Amino acid sequence: MRYLFFTNTPAHVHLYRHAVERLDERGHDVLVLGRDYGCTQALLDYYDLPHEIYGACDTTKLSLFRELPEHYLGIFRRTLRYRPDLVFGVGSYAAHAGAVSRAPVVVVADSEPTTLDHLAARPFVDTFLTPHTFGKDLGGNHYEFRGFKELAYLHPAVYDPDPTIRDELGVGPDERYVVLRFNAFGSHHDVGQSGFSPAKRRRLVDTLAEHATVFVSDEADGPTPEQARPFDLHPARLHDALAEASLLVADTQTMVTEAALLGTPAIRSNSFVGDSDMGNFLELEREGLIYNRQDFDDVLDRAHELVKDDTAKERWAAKRDAYVADKVNLTEVIVDVAERAAPVRTGSSMERVAAVSQR
């Protein structure tokens, strides 16, 4: 079989990298088409995945829309040359690649607000796979798995935190440190959305630096506030850093879920937060693993409380273990779907795939 995977963002690399490796080890032909966005290419190189870059864009909305025609030209050219039997992705790029190559398409989706992308992709997607918390019906070819897309790479079966990250970060064995993650809001699903302003970022650093070492990971590579340190290790080491951290505060999405699944307290604050929020964040908050807050004073108060709490990490680890106990390793699901390509073509036999059920 010939499999084509799309990785448009760093999170997509993590989502599919173990499946790519397993399928390659089993003798299949595998190609990853990546976009040079953020650290996507650096991760593809780090994990030595068989890949080509179809295009690039900066972490701005203007760059994304300006480069879109060139992206599609690169995608179609490479897809037709590769002739895949099955295409995996997260949205419309993968769907349209499947359309031009007449190959079935499997999309792993977890963001309900990306309505435009769902509309553009849906006519060409043979199978949607979503978390059990997904709050939207994507039609008769919509199947769900019990868990989150981040469990493709953070499930205990595939990930062991490396505590030597403390040496690389230059922090002591018992030294508390906080990770602040700031979004560039440059993806198509970020149009009209926002997070922490520069002034709020400075206030966060000033407040938390009184109690812990503060590391800043800024997707847009903005200047690091004076009292903080930049996270300047390879981006592939970010999950190890997150696992050892006392707290994550972020206006991003994915890293908040990652923190929850690593047992690290996390606070999320951006314009997505509200009554129509995504199902995964609502469930993680109900389980006591994250806090979703729009009001910035609430963010500061909660962060201040958590960073001083000597028992928070231990409590979060216990909650995380209990929560993940019945969740699937998504990599196994993806590989199972890939190697049962015939059911994907018709959508009629997906119930045979372990841990997947009709929506």
Protein backbone atom coordinates (compact mmCIF):
# COMPACT_ATOMS: atom_id res chain seq x y z
CA MET A 1 0.00 0.00 0.00
CA ARG A 2 1.00 3.59 -0.63
CA TYR A 3 0.03 6.01 2.14
CA LEU A 4 0.13 9.81 1.99
CA PHE A 5 0.03 11.85 5.21
CA PHE A 6 -0.43 15.63 5.51
CA THR A 7 1.31 17.56 8.30
CA ASN A 8 0.44 21.24 7.97
CA THR A 9 1.42 22.18 11.53
CA PRO A 10 3.78 20.82 14.20
CA ALA A 11 0.84 19.17 15.97
CA HIS A 12 0.07 17.16 12.82
CA VAL A 13 3.62 15.78 12.77
CA HIS A 14 3.16 14.43 16.28
CA LEU A 15 -0.31 13.09 15.44
CA TYR A 16 0.89 10.91 12.58
CA ARG A 17 4.58 10.24 13.21
CA HIS A 18 4.22 6.93 15.04
CA ALA A 19 1.76 5.63 12.44
CA VAL A 20 4.13 6.64 9.64
CA GLU A 21 6.99 4.81 11.34
CA ARG A 22 4.95 1.65 11.95
CA LEU A 23 3.60 1.47 8.41
CA ASP A 24 7.08 2.03 7.02
CA GLU A 25 8.46 -0.75 9.24
CA ARG A 26 5.75 -3.10 7.95
CA GLY A 27 6.93 -2.64 4.38
CA HIS A 28 4.41 -0.09 3.11
CA ASP A 29 5.35 2.96 1.03
CA VAL A 30 4.76 6.11 3.07
CA LEU A 31 5.16 9.79 2.18
CA VAL A 32 4.51 12.82 4.37
CA LEU A 33 3.65 16.12 2.69
CA GLY A 34 4.52 18.93 5.10
CA ARG A 35 4.16 22.68 5.19
CA ASP A 36 7.07 24.79 6.35
CA TYR A 37 5.11 26.48 9.14
CA GLY A 38 6.53 27.11 12.58
CA CYS A 39 8.71 24.14 13.52
CA THR A 40 6.93 21.62 11.27
CA GLN A 41 9.93 20.99 9.06
CA ALA A 42 12.29 20.81 12.03
CA LEU A 43 10.15 18.05 13.55
CA LEU A 44 9.93 16.12 10.27
CA ASP A 45 13.72 16.22 10.05
CA TYR A 46 14.19 15.34 13.73
CA TYR A 47 12.02 12.21 13.49
CA ASP A 48 13.54 11.32 10.11
CA LEU A 49 10.14 10.86 8.47
CA PRO A 50 10.01 10.37 4.67
CA HIS A 51 8.74 13.76 3.62
CA GLU A 52 8.55 16.53 1.06
CA ILE A 53 7.64 20.16 1.69
CA TYR A 54 4.78 21.38 -0.49
CA GLY A 55 4.97 25.04 0.52
CA ALA A 56 5.65 27.54 3.28
CA CYS A 57 3.99 30.37 5.13
CA ASP A 58 4.76 32.65 8.03
CA THR A 59 2.73 32.60 11.23
CA THR A 60 0.32 35.25 9.93
CA LYS A 61 -3.14 34.99 8.35
CA LEU A 62 -2.03 37.20 5.43
CA SER A 63 0.81 34.84 4.61
CA LEU A 64 -1.49 31.82 4.75
CA PHE A 65 -4.02 33.19 2.27
CA ARG A 66 -1.34 34.70 0.01
CA GLU A 67 0.43 31.35 -0.31
CA LEU A 68 -2.71 29.22 -0.69
CA PRO A 69 -2.68 28.88 -4.51
CA GLU A 70 0.99 27.87 -4.48
CA HIS A 71 0.28 25.37 -1.69
CA TYR A 72 -2.41 23.66 -3.72
CA LEU A 73 -0.26 23.61 -6.84
CA GLY A 74 2.54 21.90 -4.87
CA ILE A 75 0.12 19.48 -3.22
CA PHE A 76 -1.57 18.41 -6.46
CA ARG A 77 1.72 18.00 -8.31
CA ARG A 78 3.27 15.81 -5.61
CA THR A 79 0.09 13.82 -4.96
CA LEU A 80 -0.40 12.91 -8.62
CA ARG A 81 3.24 11.88 -8.88
CA TYR A 82 3.04 9.71 -5.76
CA ARG A 83 -0.32 8.02 -6.61
CA PRO A 84 -1.43 7.15 -3.04
CA ASP A 85 -3.82 4.34 -2.18
CA LEU A 86 -4.99 6.18 0.94
CA VAL A 87 -4.63 9.76 2.21
CA PHE A 88 -4.56 10.86 5.87
CA GLY A 89 -4.82 14.43 7.08
CA VAL A 90 -6.64 16.89 9.30
CA GLY A 91 -8.63 18.99 6.82
CA SER A 92 -9.22 20.24 3.32
CA TYR A 93 -5.66 19.90 1.97
CA ALA A 94 -5.81 16.14 2.44
CA ALA A 95 -9.41 15.98 1.19
CA HIS A 96 -8.64 17.79 -2.06
CA ALA A 97 -5.47 15.74 -2.59
CA GLY A 98 -7.64 12.63 -2.36
CA ALA A 99 -10.09 14.12 -4.84
CA VAL A 100 -7.47 14.79 -7.53
CA SER A 101 -5.81 11.39 -7.02
CA ARG A 102 -9.11 9.48 -6.60
CA ALA A 103 -7.78 7.99 -3.38
CA PRO A 104 -9.94 7.56 -0.25
CA VAL A 105 -9.32 10.10 2.50
CA VAL A 106 -9.29 9.71 6.29
CA VAL A 107 -9.42 12.92 8.33
CA VAL A 108 -8.74 13.10 12.07
CA ALA A 109 -10.66 16.16 13.27
CA ASP A 110 -11.08 17.57 16.77
CA SER A 111 -11.95 21.26 16.31
CA GLU A 112 -15.66 21.98 16.01
CA PRO A 113 -15.28 25.70 15.16
CA THR A 114 -13.45 25.03 11.86
CA THR A 115 -16.76 25.06 9.98
CA LEU A 116 -15.35 26.44 6.73
CA ASP A 117 -12.69 23.75 6.58
CA HIS A 118 -15.27 21.03 7.29
CA LEU A 119 -17.48 22.35 4.48
CA ALA A 120 -14.57 22.43 2.04
CA ALA A 121 -13.35 18.95 3.00
CA ARG A 122 -16.56 17.01 3.65
CA PRO A 123 -17.55 16.14 0.04
CA PHE A 124 -14.17 14.46 -0.49
CA VAL A 125 -13.62 12.72 2.86
CA ASP A 126 -14.43 9.02 3.08
CA THR A 127 -13.98 8.75 6.85
CA PHE A 128 -13.91 11.29 9.66
CA LEU A 129 -12.35 10.13 12.93
CA THR A 130 -13.03 12.35 15.94
CA PRO A 131 -12.68 12.20 19.72
CA HIS A 132 -15.68 11.01 21.72
CA THR A 133 -16.13 14.58 22.95
CA PHE A 134 -16.59 16.06 19.47
CA GLY A 135 -19.78 18.12 19.48
CA LYS A 136 -20.62 18.18 15.77
CA ASP A 137 -22.16 15.60 13.43
CA LEU A 138 -20.11 15.26 10.24
CA GLY A 139 -22.45 12.79 8.54
CA GLY A 140 -22.77 9.08 7.92
CA ASN A 141 -19.03 8.53 7.52
CA HIS A 142 -18.27 10.01 10.95
CA TYR A 143 -16.70 7.64 13.50
CA GLU A 144 -15.38 8.34 16.98
CA PHE A 145 -12.66 6.95 19.21
CA ARG A 146 -12.48 7.23 22.98
CA GLY A 147 -9.74 9.75 23.60
CA PHE A 148 -8.02 12.69 21.95
CA LYS A 149 -5.76 13.07 18.93
CA GLU A 150 -2.87 13.86 21.31
CA LEU A 151 -3.03 10.27 22.57
CA ALA A 152 -1.46 9.20 19.27
CA TYR A 153 1.83 10.37 20.79
CA LEU A 154 1.24 10.91 24.53
CA HIS A 155 -0.53 7.68 25.42
CA PRO A 156 1.50 5.77 28.06
CA ALA A 157 2.00 2.99 25.51
CA VAL A 158 4.04 5.27 23.24
CA TYR A 159 5.47 8.01 25.48
CA ASP A 160 7.75 8.07 28.52
CA PRO A 161 8.76 11.52 29.82
CA ASP A 162 12.50 12.16 29.97
CA PRO A 163 13.37 13.91 33.26
CA THR A 164 16.88 14.76 31.97
CA ILE A 165 15.16 17.69 30.29
CA ARG A 166 15.79 19.57 33.55
CA ASP A 167 19.54 19.44 32.90
CA GLU A 168 19.04 20.76 29.38
CA LEU A 169 16.83 23.57 30.66
CA GLY A 170 19.28 24.42 33.43
CA VAL A 171 16.85 23.91 36.31
CA GLY A 172 17.42 21.91 39.48
CA PRO A 173 15.74 18.60 40.39
CA ASP A 174 13.21 20.31 42.66
CA GLU A 175 13.09 23.73 41.01
CA ARG A 176 9.64 24.86 40.00
CA TYR A 177 9.24 26.16 36.50
CA VAL A 178 6.32 27.38 34.43
CA VAL A 179 5.82 27.21 30.68
CA LEU A 180 3.99 30.07 28.97
CA ARG A 181 2.84 29.26 25.44
CA PHE A 182 1.75 32.08 23.14
CA ASN A 183 -0.11 31.56 19.87
CA ALA A 184 0.66 33.34 16.59
CA PHE A 185 -3.01 32.97 15.50
CA GLY A 186 -1.88 32.48 11.91
CA SER A 187 -3.81 29.35 10.92
CA HIS A 188 -7.08 29.36 8.97
CA HIS A 189 -9.00 28.20 12.06
CA ASP A 190 -7.61 31.18 14.01
CA VAL A 191 -9.18 33.84 11.77
CA GLY A 192 -10.98 36.34 14.01
CA GLN A 193 -9.54 34.81 17.20
CA SER A 194 -7.14 36.28 19.74
CA GLY A 195 -5.21 35.57 22.92
CA PHE A 196 -2.94 37.40 25.37
CA SER A 197 -1.93 40.94 24.43
CA PRO A 198 1.74 41.97 24.91
CA ALA A 199 0.80 43.79 28.13
CA LYS A 200 -0.94 40.71 29.53
CA ARG A 201 2.02 38.54 28.62
CA ARG A 202 4.30 40.82 30.62
CA ARG A 203 1.94 40.73 33.61
CA LEU A 204 1.89 36.94 33.50
CA VAL A 205 5.67 36.78 33.52
CA ASP A 206 6.00 39.34 36.32
CA THR A 207 3.46 37.50 38.51
CA LEU A 208 4.83 33.99 38.03
CA ALA A 209 8.52 34.87 38.08
CA GLU A 210 8.18 35.69 41.79
CA HIS A 211 7.54 31.99 42.52
CA ALA A 212 9.11 29.96 39.70
CA THR A 213 11.42 30.03 36.74
CA VAL A 214 9.42 31.06 33.67
CA PHE A 215 10.01 29.72 30.16
CA VAL A 216 8.30 31.33 27.18
CA SER A 217 7.46 29.41 24.03
CA ASP A 218 6.19 31.91 21.47
CA GLU A 219 4.87 30.55 18.18
CA ALA A 220 5.48 33.92 16.52
CA ASP A 221 9.06 34.16 17.90
CA GLY A 222 8.39 37.49 19.59
CA PRO A 223 10.77 39.03 22.14
CA THR A 224 11.02 37.22 25.48
CA PRO A 225 10.14 39.36 28.52
CA GLU A 226 13.13 40.27 30.67
CA GLN A 227 12.22 38.08 33.67
CA ALA A 228 11.64 34.96 31.56
CA ARG A 229 13.80 32.56 29.58
CA PRO A 230 13.07 31.50 26.00
CA PHE A 231 12.41 27.83 25.40
CA ASP A 232 15.38 27.46 23.06
CA LEU A 233 15.75 23.67 22.99
CA HIS A 234 14.68 21.65 19.98
CA PRO A 235 10.85 21.74 19.68
CA ALA A 236 10.79 17.93 19.83
CA ARG A 237 11.78 18.27 23.50
CA LEU A 238 8.79 20.42 24.39
CA HIS A 239 6.66 17.55 25.70
CA ASP A 240 9.42 16.47 28.07
CA ALA A 241 9.62 20.05 29.34
CA LEU A 242 5.86 20.18 29.72
CA ALA A 243 5.77 16.91 31.66
CA GLU A 244 8.21 18.25 34.26
CA ALA A 245 6.66 21.73 34.52
CA SER A 246 4.69 22.88 37.54
CA LEU A 247 2.22 24.79 35.36
CA LEU A 248 1.29 25.70 31.77
CA VAL A 249 -0.49 28.94 30.94
CA ALA A 250 -1.40 29.29 27.27
CA ASP A 251 -3.57 31.05 24.73
CA THR A 252 -3.00 28.11 22.37
CA GLN A 253 -5.12 24.98 22.08
CA THR A 254 -3.13 21.78 21.55
CA MET A 255 -0.55 22.28 24.30
CA VAL A 256 -3.28 22.64 26.90
CA THR A 257 -4.63 19.20 26.04
CA GLU A 258 -1.06 17.87 26.03
CA ALA A 259 -0.46 19.24 29.52
CA ALA A 260 -3.64 17.60 30.79
CA LEU A 261 -2.59 14.25 29.33
CA LEU A 262 0.83 14.61 30.95
CA GLY A 263 -0.56 15.43 34.39
CA THR A 264 0.55 19.07 34.40
CA PRO A 265 -1.88 21.78 35.63
CA ALA A 266 -2.89 24.03 32.75
CA ILE A 267 -4.79 27.27 32.26
CA ARG A 268 -6.17 28.14 28.83
CA SER A 269 -7.33 31.62 27.88
CA ASN A 270 -8.32 32.82 24.41
CA SER A 271 -11.38 33.97 22.50
CA PHE A 272 -12.48 30.38 21.83
CA VAL A 273 -13.35 29.96 25.52
CA GLY A 274 -17.10 30.22 26.12
CA ASP A 275 -20.42 28.39 26.04
CA SER A 276 -19.76 27.00 22.53
CA ASP A 277 -16.25 25.84 23.33
CA MET A 278 -14.75 22.64 21.93
CA GLY A 279 -15.84 19.41 23.57
CA ASN A 280 -12.36 18.25 24.53
CA PHE A 281 -11.67 21.37 26.61
CA LEU A 282 -15.07 21.23 28.27
CA GLU A 283 -14.52 17.60 29.30
CA LEU A 284 -10.97 18.17 30.52
CA GLU A 285 -12.21 20.99 32.72
CA ARG A 286 -15.03 18.83 34.10
CA GLU A 287 -12.40 16.23 34.98
CA GLY A 288 -10.38 18.85 36.86
CA LEU A 289 -7.39 18.66 34.52
CA ILE A 290 -7.48 22.17 33.02
CA TYR A 291 -9.02 25.60 33.58
CA ASN A 292 -10.69 27.55 30.76
CA ARG A 293 -10.76 31.25 31.61
CA GLN A 294 -11.49 34.35 29.51
CA ASP A 295 -11.14 36.97 32.24
CA PHE A 296 -7.45 37.80 32.61
CA ASP A 297 -7.67 38.56 36.33
CA ASP A 298 -9.09 35.04 36.80
CA VAL A 299 -6.13 33.68 34.85
CA LEU A 300 -3.65 35.52 37.08
CA ASP A 301 -5.37 34.47 40.29
CA ARG A 302 -5.57 30.80 39.31
CA ALA A 303 -1.97 30.75 38.03
CA HIS A 304 -0.72 32.37 41.24
CA GLU A 305 -2.61 29.82 43.33
CA LEU A 306 -1.34 26.80 41.37
CA VAL A 307 2.31 27.82 41.15
CA LYS A 308 2.46 28.07 44.96
CA ASP A 309 0.67 24.74 45.55
CA ASP A 310 3.17 22.08 46.69
CA THR A 311 0.74 19.22 46.05
CA ALA A 312 -0.72 20.24 42.69
CA LYS A 313 1.55 18.11 40.50
CA GLU A 314 0.89 14.98 42.55
CA ARG A 315 -2.88 15.52 42.44
CA TRP A 316 -2.87 16.20 38.72
CA ALA A 317 -0.82 13.08 37.99
CA ALA A 318 -3.36 10.95 39.86
CA LYS A 319 -6.28 12.56 38.01
CA ARG A 320 -4.54 12.10 34.71
CA ASP A 321 -3.83 8.39 35.36
CA ALA A 322 -7.47 7.76 36.21
CA TYR A 323 -8.69 9.67 33.17
CA VAL A 324 -6.40 8.04 30.59
CA ALA A 325 -6.96 4.50 31.88
CA ASP A 326 -9.82 3.75 29.45
CA LYS A 327 -8.64 5.90 26.51
CA VAL A 328 -7.27 4.45 23.28
CA ASN A 329 -3.80 4.70 21.81
CA LEU A 330 -4.82 6.55 18.64
CA THR A 331 -1.75 5.38 16.73
CA GLU A 332 -3.10 1.82 16.88
CA VAL A 333 -6.43 3.03 15.49
CA ILE A 334 -4.76 4.91 12.62
CA VAL A 335 -2.60 1.93 11.67
CA ASP A 336 -5.60 -0.39 11.91
CA VAL A 337 -7.62 1.88 9.62
CA ALA A 338 -4.70 2.16 7.20
CA GLU A 339 -4.27 -1.59 6.89
CA ARG A 340 -8.01 -2.11 6.41
CA ALA A 341 -8.19 0.27 3.47
CA ALA A 342 -11.10 -1.52 1.80
CA PRO A 343 -13.58 -0.62 4.59
CA VAL A 344 -12.52 3.01 4.30
CA ARG A 345 -13.49 3.08 0.62
CA THR A 346 -17.10 2.20 1.37
CA GLY A 347 -17.50 3.42 4.93
CA SER A 348 -19.61 0.31 5.57
CA SER A 349 -17.30 -1.84 7.68
CA MET A 350 -15.50 0.62 9.93
CA GLU A 351 -17.03 -1.04 12.99
CA ARG A 352 -14.49 -3.82 12.44
CA VAL A 353 -11.71 -1.42 13.38
CA ALA A 354 -10.84 -1.71 17.05
CA ALA A 355 -11.86 1.14 19.35
CA VAL A 356 -13.85 3.00 16.64
CA SER A 357 -17.64 3.35 16.68
CA GLN A 358 -20.22 4.97 14.41
CA ARG A 359 -21.05 8.49 15.51
